[in-house]
Structure formats: structure tokens, C-alpha cells
Amino acid sequence: QVQPVESGGGLVQAGGSLRLSCAASGRTYSTYAMAWFRQAPGKEREFVARISRNGAFTYYADSVKGRFTIARDNAKNTVYLQMNSLKPEDTAVYFCAADTAYSGSYSKANEYDYWGQGTQVTVSS
């Protein structure tokens, strides 16, 4: 079992950067693909980025491609989301999620089995 815990959110001006971290407990952490999702007020939770178990493969939503980078350090049981060139529309609660058994829909929230509580990111204009 994995329990993700996000940190690193905050308030930043447009054009700025933030790095989110997701620390996950559990000995099997390195066997799971991990992802970041976000949810803005009144909107559905949306896919942001995903990273494979060994970090060799990454996937991004078109809206963040070229600005966000997902990475992981399995020795530290941690996944990161480096967010650059932030825009007001990036404002949301960001969630970390673990996928224990891939079923073919990496951008869908129901693909993932364990979720963190989320961390707020606010980008001011």
C-alpha cells in the first residue's frame, strides 16, 4: 500500500516557478507509476503528468508540455513536479497519485489507486 503526501504548493506570480514534491510511504513505491493531477474550483480533476516506475517514460497534458517536468527519486520514495512559466490558469489543487496496475488509461483519474490530500497552487496575474 502507498500513501502519497504532497508538499510545495503556494502563491506565485505569473511567470514564476514552483516545485511540488510527493513523498510516498510503502516498500513497493518503486513498482508503481506515479502521476500528478489538478483540480480547479468548479472543474473536474484533470491529468497533468505521469512517470513510469523507473522514470524512463513521462507523459504530459498538452496544456503543461514544455513548462512542467515530472521526475522521481526511488531512493527517496519521492516524485517531483517542476512547474515553470506558471500561468493564472494553472491555479488548482494538485494531487499526487499512484497506479498499481496499468489498465490503459493513464490520463484518467480512475486509473489510479492511491491519492494524496492535495496541495494548493495559486498563480496571480
C-alpha atoms as a PDB file:
ATOM      1  CA  GLN A   1       0.000   0.000   0.000  1.00  0.00           C
ATOM      2  CA  VAL A   2       1.140   3.550  -0.758  1.00  0.00           C
ATOM      3  CA  GLN A   3       0.175   6.789   0.952  1.00  0.00           C
ATOM      4  CA  PRO A   4       1.237   9.845  -1.068  1.00  0.00           C
ATOM      5  CA  VAL A   5       1.752  13.172   0.716  1.00  0.00           C
ATOM      6  CA  GLU A   6       2.134  16.336  -1.372  1.00  0.00           C
ATOM      7  CA  SER A   7       4.033  19.488  -0.432  1.00  0.00           C
ATOM      8  CA  GLY A   8       5.476  22.584  -2.047  1.00  0.00           C
ATOM      9  CA  GLY A   9       2.365  24.452  -3.104  1.00  0.00           C
ATOM     10  CA  GLY A  10       1.928  28.162  -2.562  1.00  0.00           C
ATOM     11  CA  LEU A  11       1.286  31.553  -4.114  1.00  0.00           C
ATOM     12  CA  VAL A  12       3.427  32.664  -7.042  1.00  0.00           C
ATOM     13  CA  GLN A  13       3.223  35.393  -9.669  1.00  0.00           C
ATOM     14  CA  ALA A  14       2.599  34.585 -13.303  1.00  0.00           C
ATOM     15  CA  GLY A  15       5.829  33.572 -14.998  1.00  0.00           C
ATOM     16  CA  GLY A  16       7.252  32.190 -11.785  1.00  0.00           C
ATOM     17  CA  SER A  17       8.172  28.650 -10.754  1.00  0.00           C
ATOM     18  CA  LEU A  18       7.280  26.132  -8.070  1.00  0.00           C
ATOM     19  CA  ARG A  19       8.411  22.600  -7.338  1.00  0.00           C
ATOM     20  CA  LEU A  20       5.935  20.164  -5.864  1.00  0.00           C
ATOM     21  CA  SER A  21       7.016  17.045  -4.024  1.00  0.00           C
ATOM     22  CA  CYS A  22       5.129  13.846  -3.328  1.00  0.00           C
ATOM     23  CA  ALA A  23       6.565  11.599  -0.648  1.00  0.00           C
ATOM     24  CA  ALA A  24       5.071   8.125  -0.652  1.00  0.00           C
ATOM     25  CA  SER A  25       5.335   5.571   2.104  1.00  0.00           C
ATOM     26  CA  GLY A  26       5.483   1.864   1.382  1.00  0.00           C
ATOM     27  CA  ARG A  27       8.167  -0.586   0.317  1.00  0.00           C
ATOM     28  CA  THR A  28       6.528  -1.123  -3.086  1.00  0.00           C
ATOM     29  CA  TYR A  29       6.604   2.551  -4.120  1.00  0.00           C
ATOM     30  CA  SER A  30       9.194   1.977  -6.835  1.00  0.00           C
ATOM     31  CA  THR A  31       6.949  -0.607  -8.509  1.00  0.00           C
ATOM     32  CA  TYR A  32       4.186   1.947  -9.184  1.00  0.00           C
ATOM     33  CA  ALA A  33       3.819   4.505 -11.922  1.00  0.00           C
ATOM     34  CA  MET A  34       3.036   7.907 -10.433  1.00  0.00           C
ATOM     35  CA  ALA A  35       1.130  10.903 -11.705  1.00  0.00           C
ATOM     36  CA  TRP A  36       0.061  14.435 -10.934  1.00  0.00           C
ATOM     37  CA  PHE A  37      -3.488  15.673 -11.418  1.00  0.00           C
ATOM     38  CA  ARG A  38      -5.044  19.030 -10.633  1.00  0.00           C
ATOM     39  CA  GLN A  39      -8.485  20.328  -9.868  1.00  0.00           C
ATOM     40  CA  ALA A  40      -9.611  23.926 -10.129  1.00  0.00           C
ATOM     41  CA  PRO A  41     -12.770  25.170  -8.388  1.00  0.00           C
ATOM     42  CA  GLY A  42     -15.890  24.023 -10.203  1.00  0.00           C
ATOM     43  CA  LYS A  43     -13.923  21.847 -12.604  1.00  0.00           C
ATOM     44  CA  GLU A  44     -13.194  18.163 -12.925  1.00  0.00           C
ATOM     45  CA  ARG A  45      -9.889  16.700 -11.860  1.00  0.00           C
ATOM     46  CA  GLU A  46      -7.537  16.748 -14.839  1.00  0.00           C
ATOM     47  CA  PHE A  47      -4.376  14.896 -15.762  1.00  0.00           C
ATOM     48  CA  VAL A  48      -1.110  16.828 -15.621  1.00  0.00           C
ATOM     49  CA  ALA A  49       1.780  14.364 -15.927  1.00  0.00           C
ATOM     50  CA  ARG A  50       2.756  10.734 -15.408  1.00  0.00           C
ATOM     51  CA  ILE A  51       6.074   8.958 -14.883  1.00  0.00           C
ATOM     52  CA  SER A  52       6.849   5.266 -15.275  1.00  0.00           C
ATOM     53  CA  ARG A  53       8.162   3.077 -12.461  1.00  0.00           C
ATOM     54  CA  ASN A  54      11.824   3.577 -13.315  1.00  0.00           C
ATOM     55  CA  GLY A  55      11.435   7.132 -14.590  1.00  0.00           C
ATOM     56  CA  ALA A  56      12.281   6.257 -18.174  1.00  0.00           C
ATOM     57  CA  PHE A  57       8.941   7.330 -19.620  1.00  0.00           C
ATOM     58  CA  THR A  58       6.992  10.522 -19.000  1.00  0.00           C
ATOM     59  CA  TYR A  59       3.699  11.840 -20.327  1.00  0.00           C
ATOM     60  CA  TYR A  60       2.210  15.325 -20.156  1.00  0.00           C
ATOM     61  CA  ALA A  61      -1.039  17.107 -20.776  1.00  0.00           C
ATOM     62  CA  ASP A  62      -0.785  19.438 -23.753  1.00  0.00           C
ATOM     63  CA  SER A  63      -1.550  22.412 -21.510  1.00  0.00           C
ATOM     64  CA  VAL A  64       1.669  21.922 -19.500  1.00  0.00           C
ATOM     65  CA  LYS A  65       4.015  20.383 -22.063  1.00  0.00           C
ATOM     66  CA  GLY A  66       7.259  22.323 -22.250  1.00  0.00           C
ATOM     67  CA  ARG A  67       6.613  24.109 -18.942  1.00  0.00           C
ATOM     68  CA  PHE A  68       6.271  21.287 -16.385  1.00  0.00           C
ATOM     69  CA  THR A  69       8.655  18.406 -15.717  1.00  0.00           C
ATOM     70  CA  ILE A  70       7.882  15.272 -13.725  1.00  0.00           C
ATOM     71  CA  ALA A  71      10.701  13.299 -12.116  1.00  0.00           C
ATOM     72  CA  ARG A  72      11.157  10.711  -9.410  1.00  0.00           C
ATOM     73  CA  ASP A  73      13.811   9.583  -6.941  1.00  0.00           C
ATOM     74  CA  ASN A  74      13.035   5.997  -5.941  1.00  0.00           C
ATOM     75  CA  ALA A  75      15.752   6.010  -3.295  1.00  0.00           C
ATOM     76  CA  LYS A  76      13.803   8.779  -1.543  1.00  0.00           C
ATOM     77  CA  ASN A  77      10.325   7.450  -2.424  1.00  0.00           C
ATOM     78  CA  THR A  78       9.555  10.873  -3.894  1.00  0.00           C
ATOM     79  CA  VAL A  79       8.036  12.247  -7.090  1.00  0.00           C
ATOM     80  CA  TYR A  80       8.513  15.858  -8.159  1.00  0.00           C
ATOM     81  CA  LEU A  81       6.697  18.270 -10.414  1.00  0.00           C
ATOM     82  CA  GLN A  82       8.804  21.219 -11.521  1.00  0.00           C
ATOM     83  CA  MET A  83       6.482  23.942 -12.780  1.00  0.00           C
ATOM     84  CA  ASN A  84       7.934  26.846 -14.758  1.00  0.00           C
ATOM     85  CA  SER A  85       6.361  29.752 -16.617  1.00  0.00           C
ATOM     86  CA  LEU A  86       3.277  29.455 -14.471  1.00  0.00           C
ATOM     87  CA  LYS A  87       0.020  30.972 -15.656  1.00  0.00           C
ATOM     88  CA  PRO A  88      -3.096  32.009 -13.723  1.00  0.00           C
ATOM     89  CA  GLU A  89      -4.927  29.094 -15.347  1.00  0.00           C
ATOM     90  CA  ASP A  90      -2.546  26.714 -13.571  1.00  0.00           C
ATOM     91  CA  THR A  91      -4.228  27.670 -10.298  1.00  0.00           C
ATOM     92  CA  ALA A  92      -5.636  24.489  -8.742  1.00  0.00           C
ATOM     93  CA  VAL A  93      -5.213  21.907  -6.042  1.00  0.00           C
ATOM     94  CA  TYR A  94      -2.539  19.497  -7.220  1.00  0.00           C
ATOM     95  CA  PHE A  95      -2.794  15.821  -6.339  1.00  0.00           C
ATOM     96  CA  CYS A  96      -0.271  13.023  -6.470  1.00  0.00           C
ATOM     97  CA  ALA A  97      -1.499   9.547  -7.393  1.00  0.00           C
ATOM     98  CA  ALA A  98      -0.120   6.004  -7.613  1.00  0.00           C
ATOM     99  CA  ASP A  99      -1.046   3.451 -10.271  1.00  0.00           C
ATOM    100  CA  THR A 100      -0.590  -0.124  -9.049  1.00  0.00           C
ATOM    101  CA  ALA A 101      -1.655  -1.895 -12.245  1.00  0.00           C
ATOM    102  CA  TYR A 102      -1.878  -0.088 -15.563  1.00  0.00           C
ATOM    103  CA  SER A 103      -5.122  -0.712 -17.436  1.00  0.00           C
ATOM    104  CA  GLY A 104      -4.549   1.548 -20.432  1.00  0.00           C
ATOM    105  CA  SER A 105      -5.954   4.944 -19.451  1.00  0.00           C
ATOM    106  CA  TYR A 106      -3.089   6.875 -17.886  1.00  0.00           C
ATOM    107  CA  SER A 107      -4.836  10.248 -18.167  1.00  0.00           C
ATOM    108  CA  LYS A 108      -7.991   9.104 -16.371  1.00  0.00           C
ATOM    109  CA  ALA A 109      -8.317   9.590 -12.645  1.00  0.00           C
ATOM    110  CA  ASN A 110      -9.932   6.182 -12.157  1.00  0.00           C
ATOM    111  CA  GLU A 111      -6.719   4.550 -13.405  1.00  0.00           C
ATOM    112  CA  TYR A 112      -5.071   5.411 -10.093  1.00  0.00           C
ATOM    113  CA  ASP A 113      -5.477   3.595  -6.812  1.00  0.00           C
ATOM    114  CA  TYR A 114      -3.925   5.837  -4.161  1.00  0.00           C
ATOM    115  CA  TRP A 115      -4.226   9.587  -3.815  1.00  0.00           C
ATOM    116  CA  GLY A 116      -2.738  12.278  -1.648  1.00  0.00           C
ATOM    117  CA  GLN A 117      -4.693  15.072   0.028  1.00  0.00           C
ATOM    118  CA  GLY A 118      -3.504  17.705  -2.414  1.00  0.00           C
ATOM    119  CA  THR A 119      -1.554  20.951  -2.238  1.00  0.00           C
ATOM    120  CA  GLN A 120      -2.846  24.350  -3.341  1.00  0.00           C
ATOM    121  CA  VAL A 121      -1.086  26.232  -6.125  1.00  0.00           C
ATOM    122  CA  THR A 122      -2.214  29.797  -6.775  1.00  0.00           C
ATOM    123  CA  VAL A 123      -0.808  31.858  -9.637  1.00  0.00           C
ATOM    124  CA  SER A 124      -1.551  35.564  -9.547  1.00  0.00           C
ATOM    125  CA  SER A 125      -1.663  37.722 -12.662  1.00  0.00           C
END
